[in-house]
């Protein structure tokens, strides 16, 4: 009987140690989940800000390509007319 009691005590202590390790593992897993959620949120915000940064750079460039030639043409038209008149006047 003493040997079976020793085996049972060893099994009980082994089971309690396994339970303790499983509980520790569960706690560490919960902490990791919290950290992973924070990292995922950070990554999402980084992607959003990257898109915003690209838009802040690209939209003015695209708008300038579309509207700038017309604006420049309307602005420079009177000066071109003056230059043509001066070339006709002086014979250049």
N, C-alpha and C. Protein backbone atom coordinates (compact mmCIF):
# COMPACT_ATOMS: atom_id res chain seq x y z
N UNK A 1 0.79 -1.19 0.00
CA UNK A 1 0.00 0.00 0.00
C UNK A 1 0.84 1.27 0.00
N UNK A 2 1.94 1.28 0.69
CA UNK A 2 2.71 2.52 0.70
C UNK A 2 3.18 2.93 -0.69
N UNK A 3 3.50 1.97 -1.55
CA UNK A 3 3.96 2.35 -2.89
C UNK A 3 2.84 2.94 -3.72
N UNK A 4 1.63 2.44 -3.56
CA UNK A 4 0.50 3.00 -4.30
C UNK A 4 0.17 4.40 -3.79
N UNK A 5 0.35 4.61 -2.49
CA UNK A 5 0.12 5.93 -1.91
C UNK A 5 1.15 6.91 -2.44
N UNK A 6 2.38 6.48 -2.56
CA UNK A 6 3.45 7.36 -3.09
C UNK A 6 3.17 7.69 -4.55
N UNK A 7 2.75 6.68 -5.32
CA UNK A 7 2.43 6.92 -6.73
C UNK A 7 1.26 7.89 -6.85
N UNK A 8 0.27 7.70 -5.98
CA UNK A 8 -0.90 8.58 -6.02
C UNK A 8 -0.51 10.01 -5.66
N UNK A 9 0.34 10.17 -4.66
CA UNK A 9 0.82 11.50 -4.27
C UNK A 9 1.62 12.13 -5.41
N UNK A 10 2.44 11.34 -6.07
CA UNK A 10 3.21 11.85 -7.21
C UNK A 10 2.29 12.26 -8.35
N UNK A 11 1.26 11.46 -8.60
CA UNK A 11 0.30 11.78 -9.65
C UNK A 11 -0.48 13.04 -9.30
N UNK A 12 -0.90 13.16 -8.04
CA UNK A 12 -1.62 14.35 -7.60
C UNK A 12 -0.76 15.59 -7.71
N UNK A 13 0.50 15.47 -7.29
CA UNK A 13 1.38 16.64 -7.38
C UNK A 13 1.67 16.97 -8.84
N UNK A 14 1.78 15.94 -9.69
CA UNK A 14 1.98 16.17 -11.12
C UNK A 14 0.78 16.84 -11.74
N UNK A 15 -0.42 16.39 -11.37
CA UNK A 15 -1.64 17.00 -11.90
C UNK A 15 -1.81 18.43 -11.42
N UNK A 16 -1.51 18.66 -10.16
CA UNK A 16 -1.63 20.03 -9.65
C UNK A 16 -0.61 20.94 -10.32
N UNK A 17 0.56 20.40 -10.61
CA UNK A 17 1.58 21.21 -11.29
C UNK A 17 1.13 21.50 -12.72
N UNK A 18 0.53 20.49 -13.37
CA UNK A 18 0.03 20.70 -14.73
C UNK A 18 -1.10 21.72 -14.72
N UNK A 19 -2.00 21.64 -13.75
CA UNK A 19 -3.08 22.62 -13.64
C UNK A 19 -2.52 24.02 -13.44
N UNK A 20 -1.50 24.12 -12.60
CA UNK A 20 -0.87 25.41 -12.34
C UNK A 20 -0.25 25.96 -13.63
N UNK A 21 0.43 25.10 -14.37
CA UNK A 21 1.05 25.53 -15.63
C UNK A 21 -0.01 25.93 -16.66
N UNK A 22 -1.10 25.20 -16.70
CA UNK A 22 -2.18 25.53 -17.64
C UNK A 22 -2.78 26.89 -17.28
N UNK A 23 -2.99 27.15 -15.99
CA UNK A 23 -3.53 28.45 -15.55
C UNK A 23 -2.56 29.57 -15.92
N UNK A 24 -1.29 29.33 -15.71
CA UNK A 24 -0.27 30.33 -16.07
C UNK A 24 -0.30 30.58 -17.57
N UNK A 25 -0.42 29.49 -18.31
CA UNK A 25 -0.46 29.60 -19.77
C UNK A 25 -1.69 30.40 -20.22
N UNK A 26 -2.82 30.17 -19.58
CA UNK A 26 -4.04 30.91 -19.92
C UNK A 26 -3.87 32.39 -19.63
N UNK A 27 -3.28 32.73 -18.50
CA UNK A 27 -3.06 34.14 -18.15
C UNK A 27 -2.12 34.81 -19.15
N UNK A 28 -1.05 34.11 -19.50
CA UNK A 28 -0.11 34.67 -20.47
C UNK A 28 -0.77 34.83 -21.85
N UNK A 29 -1.61 33.90 -22.20
CA UNK A 29 -2.31 33.99 -23.48
C UNK A 29 -3.24 35.20 -23.50
N UNK A 30 -3.93 35.45 -22.40
CA UNK A 30 -4.81 36.63 -22.32
C UNK A 30 -3.99 37.92 -22.45
N UNK A 31 -2.83 37.95 -21.79
CA UNK A 31 -1.98 39.14 -21.91
C UNK A 31 -1.50 39.32 -23.35
N UNK A 32 -1.16 38.22 -24.00
CA UNK A 32 -0.73 38.30 -25.40
C UNK A 32 -1.87 38.77 -26.30
N UNK A 33 -3.08 38.33 -26.03
CA UNK A 33 -4.22 38.77 -26.83
C UNK A 33 -4.41 40.27 -26.73
N UNK A 34 -4.26 40.81 -25.52
CA UNK A 34 -4.40 42.25 -25.33
C UNK A 34 -3.33 42.99 -26.11
N UNK A 35 -2.10 42.51 -26.02
CA UNK A 35 -1.00 43.16 -26.74
C UNK A 35 -1.20 43.05 -28.25
N UNK A 36 -1.65 41.91 -28.72
CA UNK A 36 -1.87 41.73 -30.16
C UNK A 36 -2.98 42.66 -30.65
N UNK A 37 -4.03 42.84 -29.85
CA UNK A 37 -5.09 43.76 -30.23
C UNK A 37 -4.56 45.18 -30.35
N UNK A 38 -3.69 45.57 -29.41
CA UNK A 38 -3.11 46.91 -29.48
C UNK A 38 -2.24 47.05 -30.72
N UNK A 39 -1.47 46.03 -31.04
CA UNK A 39 -0.61 46.07 -32.22
C UNK A 39 -1.45 46.14 -33.48
N UNK A 40 -2.53 45.37 -33.53
CA UNK A 40 -3.40 45.40 -34.70
C UNK A 40 -4.05 46.77 -34.87
N UNK A 41 -4.47 47.38 -33.77
CA UNK A 41 -5.03 48.73 -33.84
C UNK A 41 -4.01 49.72 -34.35
N UNK A 42 -2.78 49.58 -33.87
CA UNK A 42 -1.69 50.46 -34.31
C UNK A 42 -1.46 50.30 -35.82
N UNK A 43 -1.48 49.06 -36.30
CA UNK A 43 -1.26 48.81 -37.72
C UNK A 43 -2.40 49.40 -38.55
N UNK A 44 -3.62 49.28 -38.08
CA UNK A 44 -4.75 49.85 -38.81
C UNK A 44 -4.60 51.37 -38.90
N UNK A 45 -4.25 52.02 -37.80
CA UNK A 45 -4.07 53.48 -37.81
C UNK A 45 -2.90 53.88 -38.71
N UNK A 46 -1.85 53.08 -38.73
CA UNK A 46 -0.73 53.38 -39.62
C UNK A 46 -1.17 53.31 -41.08
N UNK A 47 -1.98 52.33 -41.42
CA UNK A 47 -2.48 52.22 -42.79
C UNK A 47 -3.37 53.40 -43.14
N UNK A 48 -4.23 53.81 -42.21
CA UNK A 48 -5.11 54.95 -42.46
C UNK A 48 -4.29 56.22 -42.67
N UNK A 49 -3.31 56.46 -41.82
CA UNK A 49 -2.49 57.66 -41.97
C UNK A 49 -1.64 57.61 -43.22
N UNK A 50 -1.22 56.42 -43.65
CA UNK A 50 -0.47 56.30 -44.89
C UNK A 50 -1.34 56.73 -46.07
N UNK A 51 -2.58 56.27 -46.10
CA UNK A 51 -3.50 56.65 -47.18
C UNK A 51 -3.76 58.14 -47.14
N UNK A 52 -3.96 58.70 -45.96
CA UNK A 52 -4.19 60.14 -45.84
C UNK A 52 -2.97 60.91 -46.32
N UNK A 53 -1.79 60.46 -45.96
CA UNK A 53 -0.56 61.13 -46.39
C UNK A 53 -0.43 61.10 -47.91
N UNK A 54 -0.72 59.96 -48.51
CA UNK A 54 -0.65 59.85 -49.97
C UNK A 54 -1.68 60.79 -50.61
N UNK A 55 -2.88 60.84 -50.03
CA UNK A 55 -3.90 61.73 -50.58
C UNK A 55 -3.50 63.20 -50.45
N UNK A 56 -2.90 63.54 -49.32
CA UNK A 56 -2.47 64.94 -49.13
C UNK A 56 -1.41 65.32 -50.16
N UNK A 57 -0.61 64.38 -50.56
CA UNK A 57 0.42 64.66 -51.56
C UNK A 57 -0.15 64.57 -52.97
N UNK A 58 -0.94 63.54 -53.25
CA UNK A 58 -1.37 63.27 -54.62
C UNK A 58 -2.50 64.18 -55.09
N UNK A 59 -3.46 64.49 -54.24
CA UNK A 59 -4.61 65.29 -54.67
C UNK A 59 -4.19 66.68 -55.17
N UNK A 60 -3.35 67.42 -54.46
CA UNK A 60 -2.94 68.72 -55.01
C UNK A 60 -2.18 68.61 -56.34
N UNK A 61 -1.38 67.57 -56.47
CA UNK A 61 -0.65 67.38 -57.73
C UNK A 61 -1.63 67.11 -58.87
N UNK A 62 -2.58 66.23 -58.65
CA UNK A 62 -3.57 65.91 -59.69
C UNK A 62 -4.41 67.13 -60.03
N UNK A 63 -4.84 67.85 -59.00
CA UNK A 63 -5.64 69.06 -59.26
C UNK A 63 -4.83 70.11 -60.01
N UNK A 64 -3.56 70.24 -59.69
CA UNK A 64 -2.74 71.22 -60.41
C UNK A 64 -2.53 70.81 -61.86
N UNK A 65 -2.40 69.52 -62.11
CA UNK A 65 -2.27 69.06 -63.49
C UNK A 65 -3.54 69.34 -64.27
N UNK A 66 -4.68 69.22 -63.63
CA UNK A 66 -5.95 69.44 -64.31
C UNK A 66 -6.23 70.94 -64.51
N UNK A 67 -6.07 71.74 -63.46
CA UNK A 67 -6.53 73.13 -63.51
C UNK A 67 -5.44 74.16 -63.79
N UNK A 68 -4.21 73.85 -63.53
CA UNK A 68 -3.15 74.84 -63.68
C UNK A 68 -2.95 75.32 -65.12
N UNK A 69 -2.98 74.46 -66.12
CA UNK A 69 -2.81 74.98 -67.49
C UNK A 69 -3.88 76.01 -67.88
N UNK A 70 -5.11 75.77 -67.49
CA UNK A 70 -6.18 76.72 -67.80
C UNK A 70 -5.98 78.03 -67.06
N UNK A 71 -5.62 77.95 -65.81
CA UNK A 71 -5.40 79.16 -65.01
C UNK A 71 -4.22 79.96 -65.57
N UNK A 72 -3.14 79.25 -65.89
CA UNK A 72 -1.97 79.94 -66.45
C UNK A 72 -2.29 80.56 -67.81
N UNK A 73 -3.03 79.85 -68.60
CA UNK A 73 -3.38 80.38 -69.92
C UNK A 73 -4.22 81.65 -69.78
N UNK A 74 -5.19 81.63 -68.87
CA UNK A 74 -6.02 82.83 -68.66
C UNK A 74 -5.20 83.96 -68.05
N UNK A 75 -4.25 83.64 -67.21
CA UNK A 75 -3.44 84.68 -66.58
C UNK A 75 -2.41 85.26 -67.54
N UNK A 76 -1.81 84.42 -68.34
CA UNK A 76 -0.73 84.87 -69.23
C UNK A 76 -1.23 85.42 -70.56
N UNK A 77 -2.50 85.25 -70.87
CA UNK A 77 -3.04 85.71 -72.16
C UNK A 77 -2.83 87.21 -72.37
N UNK A 78 -3.12 88.07 -71.41
CA UNK A 78 -2.88 89.51 -71.64
C UNK A 78 -1.40 89.82 -71.88
N UNK A 79 -0.51 89.15 -71.18
CA UNK A 79 0.92 89.42 -71.36
C UNK A 79 1.40 88.93 -72.72
N UNK A 80 0.86 87.82 -73.18
CA UNK A 80 1.23 87.34 -74.51
C UNK A 80 0.74 88.30 -75.59
N UNK A 81 -0.42 88.84 -75.35
CA UNK A 81 -0.95 89.82 -76.31
C UNK A 81 -0.06 91.05 -76.35
N UNK A 82 0.40 91.50 -75.18
CA UNK A 82 1.32 92.64 -75.14
C UNK A 82 2.63 92.32 -75.85
N UNK A 83 3.14 91.12 -75.64
CA UNK A 83 4.38 90.72 -76.30
C UNK A 83 4.21 90.68 -77.82
N UNK A 84 3.09 90.18 -78.29
CA UNK A 84 2.85 90.13 -79.73
C UNK A 84 2.73 91.53 -80.30
N UNK A 85 2.07 92.41 -79.56
CA UNK A 85 1.94 93.81 -80.01
C UNK A 85 3.31 94.48 -80.06
N UNK A 86 4.14 94.22 -79.05
CA UNK A 86 5.47 94.85 -79.04
C UNK A 86 6.35 94.27 -80.15
N UNK A 87 6.20 93.00 -80.47
CA UNK A 87 6.98 92.41 -81.55
C UNK A 87 6.55 93.00 -82.90
N UNK A 88 5.27 93.22 -83.07
CA UNK A 88 4.78 93.83 -84.31
C UNK A 88 5.21 95.28 -84.40
N UNK A 89 5.22 95.95 -83.26
CA UNK A 89 5.58 97.37 -83.23
C UNK A 89 7.06 97.57 -83.54
N UNK A 90 7.91 96.73 -82.97
CA UNK A 90 9.35 96.90 -83.14
C UNK A 90 9.93 96.00 -84.21
N UNK A 91 9.12 95.12 -84.78
CA UNK A 91 9.57 94.29 -85.89
C UNK A 91 10.46 93.13 -85.49
N UNK A 92 10.33 92.62 -84.33
CA UNK A 92 11.14 91.45 -83.92
C UNK A 92 10.64 90.28 -84.61
